[in-house]
Amino acid sequence: MFSNLSRARALGLCALPVVALLAVAGTAPLPFSVAQPGTTADVLGSDEGRPVITITGAPVRPTTGQLRMTTILATGPSAEIGLGDLADAWFRGDRAVYPRAMVYPAGKSDAEVEKHNLRQMKESQDAAALAALNHVGRSPKDVKVTLHLADVGGPSAGLLFSLGIVDKLVGDGAGGELTGGRVVAGTGTIDADGTVGAVGGVSLKTQAAGRDGATVFLVPKAECDDAEAELPKGVRLIPVTTLDDAVASLKALNKGQEPKIPRC
């Protein structure tokens, strides 16, 4: 049996590897990314002096409201994230921690990730234009849509691009704006058939939307719970599954038809 002194020494020796491990964990880079609310951009407005949406081959309606696509700002794939960074982010509502592999393709450099995101954005823009033209009954052979939004990558602005095109072409279909003059924000991928898909980071995007004046946030229905987690006061959530859903909900909101507006 150990004496009390021997036992104390043994425990001390056993604790050394644990202390060393914690010390290393506190300074070594960890495979995570820390995200926070990013910028928003009005797809009905301009970016770098150019309209975000340019339409030729059809009359374009003036708009006064806003349709703000939302983003998150995440630490880059080569950023060194330590235990202290994770501990700080874990207890903040305006931060989120993700495994790096969920945010960035594995084994890619910063430049390769940027190229990947821009390619996804271009594909999303093409799908958004086709979905919007299908919705309003216009042929892409006759109506050309050009989308421009610098320094933003990924597919999550698809829904907002489609809504912007619809608003500029037909508005609410009754002479008014689809936005009703409001600041409407949202997120969601879109397919050419108008299907809206989930994106991630929604609780951070609602905060970005509230910060930038939005009173309505369109969210993929599957992400309602995440959107409600840190929802800013004064921002109303409207879940959608298709472009048709989103348009119908905004029209109902403009007319005050509350029973026709879905809720999370």
C-alpha atoms as a PDB file:
ATOM      1  CA  MET A   1       0.000   0.000   0.000  1.00  0.00           C
ATOM      2  CA  PHE A   2       1.091   3.607  -0.647  1.00  0.00           C
ATOM      3  CA  SER A   3       1.754   5.914   2.247  1.00  0.00           C
ATOM      4  CA  ASN A   4      -0.110   9.220   2.181  1.00  0.00           C
ATOM      5  CA  LEU A   5       3.026  10.931   0.843  1.00  0.00           C
ATOM      6  CA  SER A   6       3.577   8.256  -1.804  1.00  0.00           C
ATOM      7  CA  ARG A   7      -0.069   8.443  -2.832  1.00  0.00           C
ATOM      8  CA  ALA A   8       0.144  12.211  -3.227  1.00  0.00           C
ATOM      9  CA  ARG A   9       3.257  11.878  -5.364  1.00  0.00           C
ATOM     10  CA  ALA A  10       1.593   9.191  -7.495  1.00  0.00           C
ATOM     11  CA  LEU A  11      -1.491  11.342  -8.059  1.00  0.00           C
ATOM     12  CA  GLY A  12       0.712  14.275  -8.933  1.00  0.00           C
ATOM     13  CA  LEU A  13       2.610  12.233 -11.495  1.00  0.00           C
ATOM     14  CA  CYS A  14      -0.639  10.942 -13.004  1.00  0.00           C
ATOM     15  CA  ALA A  15      -1.974  14.473 -13.306  1.00  0.00           C
ATOM     16  CA  LEU A  16       1.038  15.733 -15.251  1.00  0.00           C
ATOM     17  CA  PRO A  17      -0.034  14.234 -18.601  1.00  0.00           C
ATOM     18  CA  VAL A  18      -3.554  15.653 -18.183  1.00  0.00           C
ATOM     19  CA  VAL A  19      -2.235  19.135 -17.411  1.00  0.00           C
ATOM     20  CA  ALA A  20       0.124  18.912 -20.357  1.00  0.00           C
ATOM     21  CA  LEU A  21      -2.700  17.800 -22.642  1.00  0.00           C
ATOM     22  CA  LEU A  22      -4.890  20.705 -21.559  1.00  0.00           C
ATOM     23  CA  ALA A  23      -2.019  23.109 -22.063  1.00  0.00           C
ATOM     24  CA  VAL A  24      -1.465  21.841 -25.587  1.00  0.00           C
ATOM     25  CA  ALA A  25      -5.202  21.932 -26.348  1.00  0.00           C
ATOM     26  CA  GLY A  26      -5.299  25.540 -25.197  1.00  0.00           C
ATOM     27  CA  THR A  27      -2.701  26.604 -27.737  1.00  0.00           C
ATOM     28  CA  ALA A  28      -2.943  24.099 -30.610  1.00  0.00           C
ATOM     29  CA  PRO A  29      -5.148  24.869 -33.645  1.00  0.00           C
ATOM     30  CA  LEU A  30      -8.412  22.941 -33.628  1.00  0.00           C
ATOM     31  CA  PRO A  31     -10.428  21.736 -36.674  1.00  0.00           C
ATOM     32  CA  PHE A  32     -13.314  24.160 -36.190  1.00  0.00           C
ATOM     33  CA  SER A  33     -14.579  27.418 -37.663  1.00  0.00           C
ATOM     34  CA  VAL A  34     -16.176  30.231 -35.703  1.00  0.00           C
ATOM     35  CA  ALA A  35     -18.966  32.096 -37.486  1.00  0.00           C
ATOM     36  CA  GLN A  36     -20.830  35.333 -36.808  1.00  0.00           C
ATOM     37  CA  PRO A  37     -23.515  37.422 -38.564  1.00  0.00           C
ATOM     38  CA  GLY A  38     -22.171  38.651 -41.886  1.00  0.00           C
ATOM     39  CA  THR A  39     -23.199  41.320 -44.352  1.00  0.00           C
ATOM     40  CA  THR A  40     -26.551  41.628 -46.070  1.00  0.00           C
ATOM     41  CA  ALA A  41     -27.195  42.987 -49.555  1.00  0.00           C
ATOM     42  CA  ASP A  42     -30.349  44.323 -51.189  1.00  0.00           C
ATOM     43  CA  VAL A  43     -30.795  42.373 -54.423  1.00  0.00           C
ATOM     44  CA  LEU A  44     -33.189  45.084 -55.636  1.00  0.00           C
ATOM     45  CA  GLY A  45     -30.421  47.671 -55.294  1.00  0.00           C
ATOM     46  CA  SER A  46     -26.891  48.152 -56.580  1.00  0.00           C
ATOM     47  CA  ASP A  47     -23.485  46.743 -55.759  1.00  0.00           C
ATOM     48  CA  GLU A  48     -20.243  48.503 -56.688  1.00  0.00           C
ATOM     49  CA  GLY A  49     -22.216  50.939 -58.823  1.00  0.00           C
ATOM     50  CA  ARG A  50     -24.000  48.224 -60.819  1.00  0.00           C
ATOM     51  CA  PRO A  51     -27.568  46.957 -60.393  1.00  0.00           C
ATOM     52  CA  VAL A  52     -27.592  43.559 -58.723  1.00  0.00           C
ATOM     53  CA  ILE A  53     -30.367  42.486 -61.112  1.00  0.00           C
ATOM     54  CA  THR A  54     -30.359  43.602 -64.749  1.00  0.00           C
ATOM     55  CA  ILE A  55     -33.213  42.501 -67.004  1.00  0.00           C
ATOM     56  CA  THR A  56     -33.427  42.972 -70.760  1.00  0.00           C
ATOM     57  CA  GLY A  57     -36.211  41.917 -73.091  1.00  0.00           C
ATOM     58  CA  ALA A  58     -39.059  42.887 -70.735  1.00  0.00           C
ATOM     59  CA  PRO A  59     -40.272  46.040 -68.933  1.00  0.00           C
ATOM     60  CA  VAL A  60     -38.870  46.475 -65.428  1.00  0.00           C
ATOM     61  CA  ARG A  61     -40.921  47.902 -62.573  1.00  0.00           C
ATOM     62  CA  PRO A  62     -39.522  50.438 -60.071  1.00  0.00           C
ATOM     63  CA  THR A  63     -39.179  49.240 -56.475  1.00  0.00           C
ATOM     64  CA  THR A  64     -38.889  51.017 -53.134  1.00  0.00           C
ATOM     65  CA  GLY A  65     -38.715  48.041 -50.775  1.00  0.00           C
ATOM     66  CA  GLN A  66     -35.708  45.840 -50.155  1.00  0.00           C
ATOM     67  CA  LEU A  67     -34.962  42.145 -50.489  1.00  0.00           C
ATOM     68  CA  ARG A  68     -31.839  41.523 -48.437  1.00  0.00           C
ATOM     69  CA  MET A  69     -29.862  38.327 -48.894  1.00  0.00           C
ATOM     70  CA  THR A  70     -27.965  37.389 -45.755  1.00  0.00           C
ATOM     71  CA  THR A  71     -24.571  35.865 -45.049  1.00  0.00           C
ATOM     72  CA  ILE A  72     -22.437  34.566 -42.232  1.00  0.00           C
ATOM     73  CA  LEU A  73     -18.790  35.447 -41.722  1.00  0.00           C
ATOM     74  CA  ALA A  74     -16.694  32.388 -40.817  1.00  0.00           C
ATOM     75  CA  THR A  75     -13.028  32.042 -40.001  1.00  0.00           C
ATOM     76  CA  GLY A  76     -11.116  30.775 -43.029  1.00  0.00           C
ATOM     77  CA  PRO A  77      -9.998  27.189 -43.655  1.00  0.00           C
ATOM     78  CA  SER A  78      -6.414  28.030 -42.710  1.00  0.00           C
ATOM     79  CA  ALA A  79      -7.287  30.112 -39.625  1.00  0.00           C
ATOM     80  CA  GLU A  80      -5.901  28.837 -36.329  1.00  0.00           C
ATOM     81  CA  ILE A  81      -8.729  28.347 -33.838  1.00  0.00           C
ATOM     82  CA  GLY A  82      -7.736  27.635 -30.253  1.00  0.00           C
ATOM     83  CA  LEU A  83      -9.619  26.372 -27.224  1.00  0.00           C
ATOM     84  CA  GLY A  84     -10.080  29.919 -25.945  1.00  0.00           C
ATOM     85  CA  ASP A  85     -11.742  30.967 -29.205  1.00  0.00           C
ATOM     86  CA  LEU A  86     -14.142  28.044 -28.991  1.00  0.00           C
ATOM     87  CA  ALA A  87     -14.956  28.675 -25.336  1.00  0.00           C
ATOM     88  CA  ASP A  88     -15.726  32.336 -26.078  1.00  0.00           C
ATOM     89  CA  ALA A  89     -17.925  31.514 -29.079  1.00  0.00           C
ATOM     90  CA  TRP A  90     -19.755  28.707 -27.306  1.00  0.00           C
ATOM     91  CA  PHE A  91     -21.395  31.045 -24.797  1.00  0.00           C
ATOM     92  CA  ARG A  92     -22.292  33.849 -27.217  1.00  0.00           C
ATOM     93  CA  GLY A  93     -25.576  34.025 -29.069  1.00  0.00           C
ATOM     94  CA  ASP A  94     -23.971  35.947 -31.923  1.00  0.00           C
ATOM     95  CA  ARG A  95     -21.344  33.269 -32.579  1.00  0.00           C
ATOM     96  CA  ALA A  96     -21.538  29.656 -33.707  1.00  0.00           C
ATOM     97  CA  VAL A  97     -18.978  26.857 -33.822  1.00  0.00           C
ATOM     98  CA  TYR A  98     -18.935  24.416 -36.733  1.00  0.00           C
ATOM     99  CA  PRO A  99     -16.601  21.556 -37.640  1.00  0.00           C
ATOM    100  CA  ARG A 100     -14.397  23.035 -40.340  1.00  0.00           C
ATOM    101  CA  ALA A 101     -15.355  20.228 -42.727  1.00  0.00           C
ATOM    102  CA  MET A 102     -19.001  21.415 -42.562  1.00  0.00           C
ATOM    103  CA  VAL A 103     -18.022  24.913 -43.713  1.00  0.00           C
ATOM    104  CA  TYR A 104     -15.211  24.265 -46.181  1.00  0.00           C
ATOM    105  CA  PRO A 105     -14.314  21.423 -48.560  1.00  0.00           C
ATOM    106  CA  ALA A 106     -11.605  19.312 -46.933  1.00  0.00           C
ATOM    107  CA  GLY A 107      -8.027  19.798 -48.062  1.00  0.00           C
ATOM    108  CA  LYS A 108      -8.690  23.037 -49.961  1.00  0.00           C
ATOM    109  CA  SER A 109      -6.680  26.242 -49.712  1.00  0.00           C
ATOM    110  CA  ASP A 110      -8.307  29.633 -49.138  1.00  0.00           C
ATOM    111  CA  ALA A 111      -8.053  30.388 -52.874  1.00  0.00           C
ATOM    112  CA  GLU A 112      -9.569  27.027 -53.819  1.00  0.00           C
ATOM    113  CA  VAL A 113     -12.431  27.538 -51.361  1.00  0.00           C
ATOM    114  CA  GLU A 114     -13.149  30.983 -52.798  1.00  0.00           C
ATOM    115  CA  LYS A 115     -13.219  29.547 -56.323  1.00  0.00           C
ATOM    116  CA  HIS A 116     -15.570  26.767 -55.175  1.00  0.00           C
ATOM    117  CA  ASN A 117     -17.933  29.252 -53.505  1.00  0.00           C
ATOM    118  CA  LEU A 118     -18.019  31.531 -56.543  1.00  0.00           C
ATOM    119  CA  ARG A 119     -18.853  28.564 -58.765  1.00  0.00           C
ATOM    120  CA  GLN A 120     -21.723  27.654 -56.431  1.00  0.00           C
ATOM    121  CA  MET A 121     -22.950  31.249 -56.551  1.00  0.00           C
ATOM    122  CA  LYS A 122     -22.963  31.258 -60.370  1.00  0.00           C
ATOM    123  CA  GLU A 123     -24.901  27.995 -60.480  1.00  0.00           C
ATOM    124  CA  SER A 124     -27.338  29.399 -57.918  1.00  0.00           C
ATOM    125  CA  GLN A 125     -27.847  32.569 -59.953  1.00  0.00           C
ATOM    126  CA  ASP A 126     -28.610  30.585 -63.111  1.00  0.00           C
ATOM    127  CA  ALA A 127     -31.160  28.450 -61.241  1.00  0.00           C
ATOM    128  CA  ALA A 128     -32.681  31.538 -59.600  1.00  0.00           C
ATOM    129  CA  ALA A 129     -33.197  33.284 -62.932  1.00  0.00           C
ATOM    130  CA  LEU A 130     -34.796  30.202 -64.495  1.00  0.00           C
ATOM    131  CA  ALA A 131     -37.075  29.619 -61.484  1.00  0.00           C
ATOM    132  CA  ALA A 132     -38.230  33.253 -61.526  1.00  0.00           C
ATOM    133  CA  LEU A 133     -38.897  33.281 -65.275  1.00  0.00           C
ATOM    134  CA  ASN A 134     -40.824  30.020 -64.995  1.00  0.00           C
ATOM    135  CA  HIS A 135     -42.880  31.527 -62.169  1.00  0.00           C
ATOM    136  CA  VAL A 136     -43.910  34.582 -64.211  1.00  0.00           C
ATOM    137  CA  GLY A 137     -44.387  32.635 -67.455  1.00  0.00           C
ATOM    138  CA  ARG A 138     -41.508  34.198 -69.391  1.00  0.00           C
ATOM    139  CA  SER A 139     -39.059  32.366 -71.626  1.00  0.00           C
ATOM    140  CA  PRO A 140     -35.311  32.667 -71.015  1.00  0.00           C
ATOM    141  CA  LYS A 141     -35.019  32.879 -74.801  1.00  0.00           C
ATOM    142  CA  ASP A 142     -36.799  36.237 -74.737  1.00  0.00           C
ATOM    143  CA  VAL A 143     -35.876  37.658 -71.341  1.00  0.00           C
ATOM    144  CA  LYS A 144     -32.258  37.872 -70.242  1.00  0.00           C
ATOM    145  CA  VAL A 145     -31.372  38.209 -66.559  1.00  0.00           C
ATOM    146  CA  THR A 146     -27.896  39.192 -65.396  1.00  0.00           C
ATOM    147  CA  LEU A 147     -27.010  39.016 -61.697  1.00  0.00           C
ATOM    148  CA  HIS A 148     -24.082  40.821 -60.122  1.00  0.00           C
ATOM    149  CA  LEU A 149     -23.031  40.626 -56.496  1.00  0.00           C
ATOM    150  CA  ALA A 150     -19.339  40.915 -55.682  1.00  0.00           C
ATOM    151  CA  ASP A 151     -17.487  39.249 -52.805  1.00  0.00           C
ATOM    152  CA  VAL A 152     -20.293  36.816 -51.974  1.00  0.00           C
ATOM    153  CA  GLY A 153     -20.101  33.086 -52.641  1.00  0.00           C
ATOM    154  CA  GLY A 154     -22.198  29.993 -52.131  1.00  0.00           C
ATOM    155  CA  PRO A 155     -25.761  29.082 -53.124  1.00  0.00           C
ATOM    156  CA  SER A 156     -27.779  30.508 -50.231  1.00  0.00           C
ATOM    157  CA  ALA A 157     -28.945  33.697 -51.986  1.00  0.00           C
ATOM    158  CA  GLY A 158     -30.904  31.774 -54.624  1.00  0.00           C
ATOM    159  CA  LEU A 159     -34.359  32.386 -53.150  1.00  0.00           C
ATOM    160  CA  LEU A 160     -33.762  36.120 -52.753  1.00  0.00           C
ATOM    161  CA  PHE A 161     -32.451  36.460 -56.306  1.00  0.00           C
ATOM    162  CA  SER A 162     -35.596  34.792 -57.635  1.00  0.00           C
ATOM    163  CA  LEU A 163     -37.866  37.014 -55.577  1.00  0.00           C
ATOM    164  CA  GLY A 164     -35.999  40.091 -56.783  1.00  0.00           C
ATOM    165  CA  ILE A 165     -36.507  39.108 -60.409  1.00  0.00           C
ATOM    166  CA  VAL A 166     -40.201  38.451 -59.809  1.00  0.00           C
ATOM    167  CA  ASP A 167     -40.618  41.809 -58.068  1.00  0.00           C
ATOM    168  CA  LYS A 168     -38.942  43.673 -60.923  1.00  0.00           C
ATOM    169  CA  LEU A 169     -40.980  41.906 -63.590  1.00  0.00           C
ATOM    170  CA  VAL A 170     -44.498  41.635 -62.129  1.00  0.00           C
ATOM    171  CA  GLY A 171     -44.424  42.832 -58.505  1.00  0.00           C
ATOM    172  CA  ASP A 172     -47.362  41.475 -56.560  1.00  0.00           C
ATOM    173  CA  GLY A 173     -49.377  41.017 -59.749  1.00  0.00           C
ATOM    174  CA  ALA A 174     -51.844  43.734 -58.756  1.00  0.00           C
ATOM    175  CA  GLY A 175     -49.809  46.877 -59.429  1.00  0.00           C
ATOM    176  CA  GLY A 176     -47.878  46.878 -56.153  1.00  0.00           C
ATOM    177  CA  GLU A 177     -44.485  45.723 -54.969  1.00  0.00           C
ATOM    178  CA  LEU A 178     -43.913  42.174 -53.832  1.00  0.00           C
ATOM    179  CA  THR A 179     -42.168  43.535 -50.730  1.00  0.00           C
ATOM    180  CA  GLY A 180     -45.006  45.936 -49.950  1.00  0.00           C
ATOM    181  CA  GLY A 181     -42.275  48.558 -49.471  1.00  0.00           C
ATOM    182  CA  ARG A 182     -40.817  46.621 -46.524  1.00  0.00           C
ATOM    183  CA  VAL A 183     -37.306  45.457 -45.810  1.00  0.00           C
ATOM    184  CA  VAL A 184     -37.620  41.715 -46.352  1.00  0.00           C
ATOM    185  CA  ALA A 185     -34.657  39.424 -45.752  1.00  0.00           C
ATOM    186  CA  GLY A 186     -34.128  35.711 -46.034  1.00  0.00           C
ATOM    187  CA  THR A 187     -32.034  32.807 -47.135  1.00  0.00           C
ATOM    188  CA  GLY A 188     -32.404  29.555 -49.032  1.00  0.00           C
ATOM    189  CA  THR A 189     -31.045  27.745 -52.030  1.00  0.00           C
ATOM    190  CA  ILE A 190     -33.273  27.352 -55.052  1.00  0.00           C
ATOM    191  CA  ASP A 191     -33.583  24.846 -57.861  1.00  0.00           C
ATOM    192  CA  ALA A 192     -34.748  25.689 -61.356  1.00  0.00           C
ATOM    193  CA  ASP A 193     -38.166  24.190 -60.510  1.00  0.00           C
ATOM    194  CA  GLY A 194     -38.525  26.635 -57.601  1.00  0.00           C
ATOM    195  CA  THR A 195     -37.772  24.242 -54.742  1.00  0.00           C
ATOM    196  CA  VAL A 196     -36.187  26.012 -51.765  1.00  0.00           C
ATOM    197  CA  GLY A 197     -33.442  24.208 -49.858  1.00  0.00           C
ATOM    198  CA  ALA A 198     -31.849  24.542 -46.422  1.00  0.00           C
ATOM    199  CA  VAL A 199     -28.567  26.413 -45.981  1.00  0.00           C
ATOM    200  CA  GLY A 200     -27.237  26.491 -42.387  1.00  0.00           C
ATOM    201  CA  GLY A 201     -26.191  29.371 -40.160  1.00  0.00           C
ATOM    202  CA  VAL A 202     -29.769  30.633 -40.057  1.00  0.00           C
ATOM    203  CA  SER A 203     -29.722  31.931 -36.465  1.00  0.00           C
ATOM    204  CA  LEU A 204     -26.773  34.163 -37.373  1.00  0.00           C
ATOM    205  CA  LYS A 205     -28.473  35.337 -40.564  1.00  0.00           C
ATOM    206  CA  THR A 206     -31.621  36.421 -38.731  1.00  0.00           C
ATOM    207  CA  GLN A 207     -29.421  38.577 -36.511  1.00  0.00           C
ATOM    208  CA  ALA A 208     -27.769  40.151 -39.555  1.00  0.00           C
ATOM    209  CA  ALA A 209     -31.212  40.820 -41.018  1.00  0.00           C
ATOM    210  CA  GLY A 210     -32.509  42.459 -37.843  1.00  0.00           C
ATOM    211  CA  ARG A 211     -29.378  44.587 -37.562  1.00  0.00           C
ATOM    212  CA  ASP A 212     -29.928  45.862 -41.115  1.00  0.00           C
ATOM    213  CA  GLY A 213     -33.576  46.798 -40.690  1.00  0.00           C
ATOM    214  CA  ALA A 214     -35.527  43.750 -41.862  1.00  0.00           C
ATOM    215  CA  THR A 215     -38.978  43.130 -40.394  1.00  0.00           C
ATOM    216  CA  VAL A 216     -39.645  39.889 -42.294  1.00  0.00           C
ATOM    217  CA  PHE A 217     -37.341  36.890 -42.711  1.00  0.00           C
ATOM    218  CA  LEU A 218     -38.066  34.107 -45.200  1.00  0.00           C
ATOM    219  CA  VAL A 219     -36.578  30.832 -43.980  1.00  0.00           C
ATOM    220  CA  PRO A 220     -36.528  27.300 -45.426  1.00  0.00           C
ATOM    221  CA  LYS A 221     -39.218  25.468 -43.496  1.00  0.00           C
ATOM    222  CA  ALA A 222     -36.820  22.754 -42.327  1.00  0.00           C
ATOM    223  CA  GLU A 223     -34.764  25.374 -40.479  1.00  0.00           C
ATOM    224  CA  CYS A 224     -37.528  27.043 -38.475  1.00  0.00           C
ATOM    225  CA  ASP A 225     -36.146  25.896 -35.128  1.00  0.00           C
ATOM    226  CA  ASP A 226     -32.694  27.302 -35.856  1.00  0.00           C
ATOM    227  CA  ALA A 227     -34.192  30.569 -37.060  1.00  0.00           C
ATOM    228  CA  GLU A 228     -36.192  30.984 -33.855  1.00  0.00           C
ATOM    229  CA  ALA A 229     -33.167  30.369 -31.610  1.00  0.00           C
ATOM    230  CA  GLU A 230     -31.774  33.929 -31.702  1.00  0.00           C
ATOM    231  CA  LEU A 231     -34.566  35.743 -33.534  1.00  0.00           C
ATOM    232  CA  PRO A 232     -34.272  39.527 -33.099  1.00  0.00           C
ATOM    233  CA  LYS A 233     -37.256  41.390 -31.703  1.00  0.00           C
ATOM    234  CA  GLY A 234     -39.469  42.807 -34.446  1.00  0.00           C
ATOM    235  CA  VAL A 235     -38.475  40.258 -37.092  1.00  0.00           C
ATOM    236  CA  ARG A 236     -41.235  37.962 -38.344  1.00  0.00           C
ATOM    237  CA  LEU A 237     -40.384  34.490 -39.622  1.00  0.00           C
ATOM    238  CA  ILE A 238     -42.170  33.078 -42.661  1.00  0.00           C
ATOM    239  CA  PRO A 239     -41.289  29.462 -43.568  1.00  0.00           C
ATOM    240  CA  VAL A 240     -41.192  28.516 -47.247  1.00  0.00           C
ATOM    241  CA  THR A 241     -40.582  25.367 -49.277  1.00  0.00           C
ATOM    242  CA  THR A 242     -40.905  26.769 -52.813  1.00  0.00           C
ATOM    243  CA  LEU A 243     -40.681  30.063 -54.664  1.00  0.00           C
ATOM    244  CA  ASP A 244     -44.460  29.910 -55.126  1.00  0.00           C
ATOM    245  CA  ASP A 245     -44.831  29.685 -51.321  1.00  0.00           C
ATOM    246  CA  ALA A 246     -42.642  32.724 -50.782  1.00  0.00           C
ATOM    247  CA  VAL A 247     -44.469  34.841 -53.356  1.00  0.00           C
ATOM    248  CA  ALA A 248     -47.899  33.806 -52.043  1.00  0.00           C
ATOM    249  CA  SER A 249     -46.882  34.581 -48.445  1.00  0.00           C
ATOM    250  CA  LEU A 250     -45.605  38.063 -49.319  1.00  0.00           C
ATOM    251  CA  LYS A 251     -48.784  38.807 -51.255  1.00  0.00           C
ATOM    252  CA  ALA A 252     -50.910  37.668 -48.307  1.00  0.00           C
ATOM    253  CA  LEU A 253     -48.814  39.801 -45.959  1.00  0.00           C
ATOM    254  CA  ASN A 254     -49.404  42.854 -48.133  1.00  0.00           C
ATOM    255  CA  LYS A 255     -53.151  42.229 -48.065  1.00  0.00           C
ATOM    256  CA  GLY A 256     -53.272  41.525 -44.325  1.00  0.00           C
ATOM    257  CA  GLN A 257     -54.507  37.980 -44.933  1.00  0.00           C
ATOM    258  CA  GLU A 258     -53.038  36.471 -41.771  1.00  0.00           C
ATOM    259  CA  PRO A 259     -54.635  32.987 -42.093  1.00  0.00           C
ATOM    260  CA  LYS A 260     -52.793  32.532 -45.407  1.00  0.00           C
ATOM    261  CA  ILE A 261     -49.359  33.314 -43.962  1.00  0.00           C
ATOM    262  CA  PRO A 262     -47.562  30.226 -42.603  1.00  0.00           C
ATOM    263  CA  ARG A 263     -45.734  30.318 -39.293  1.00  0.00           C
ATOM    264  CA  CYS A 264     -42.817  28.368 -37.878  1.00  0.00           C
END
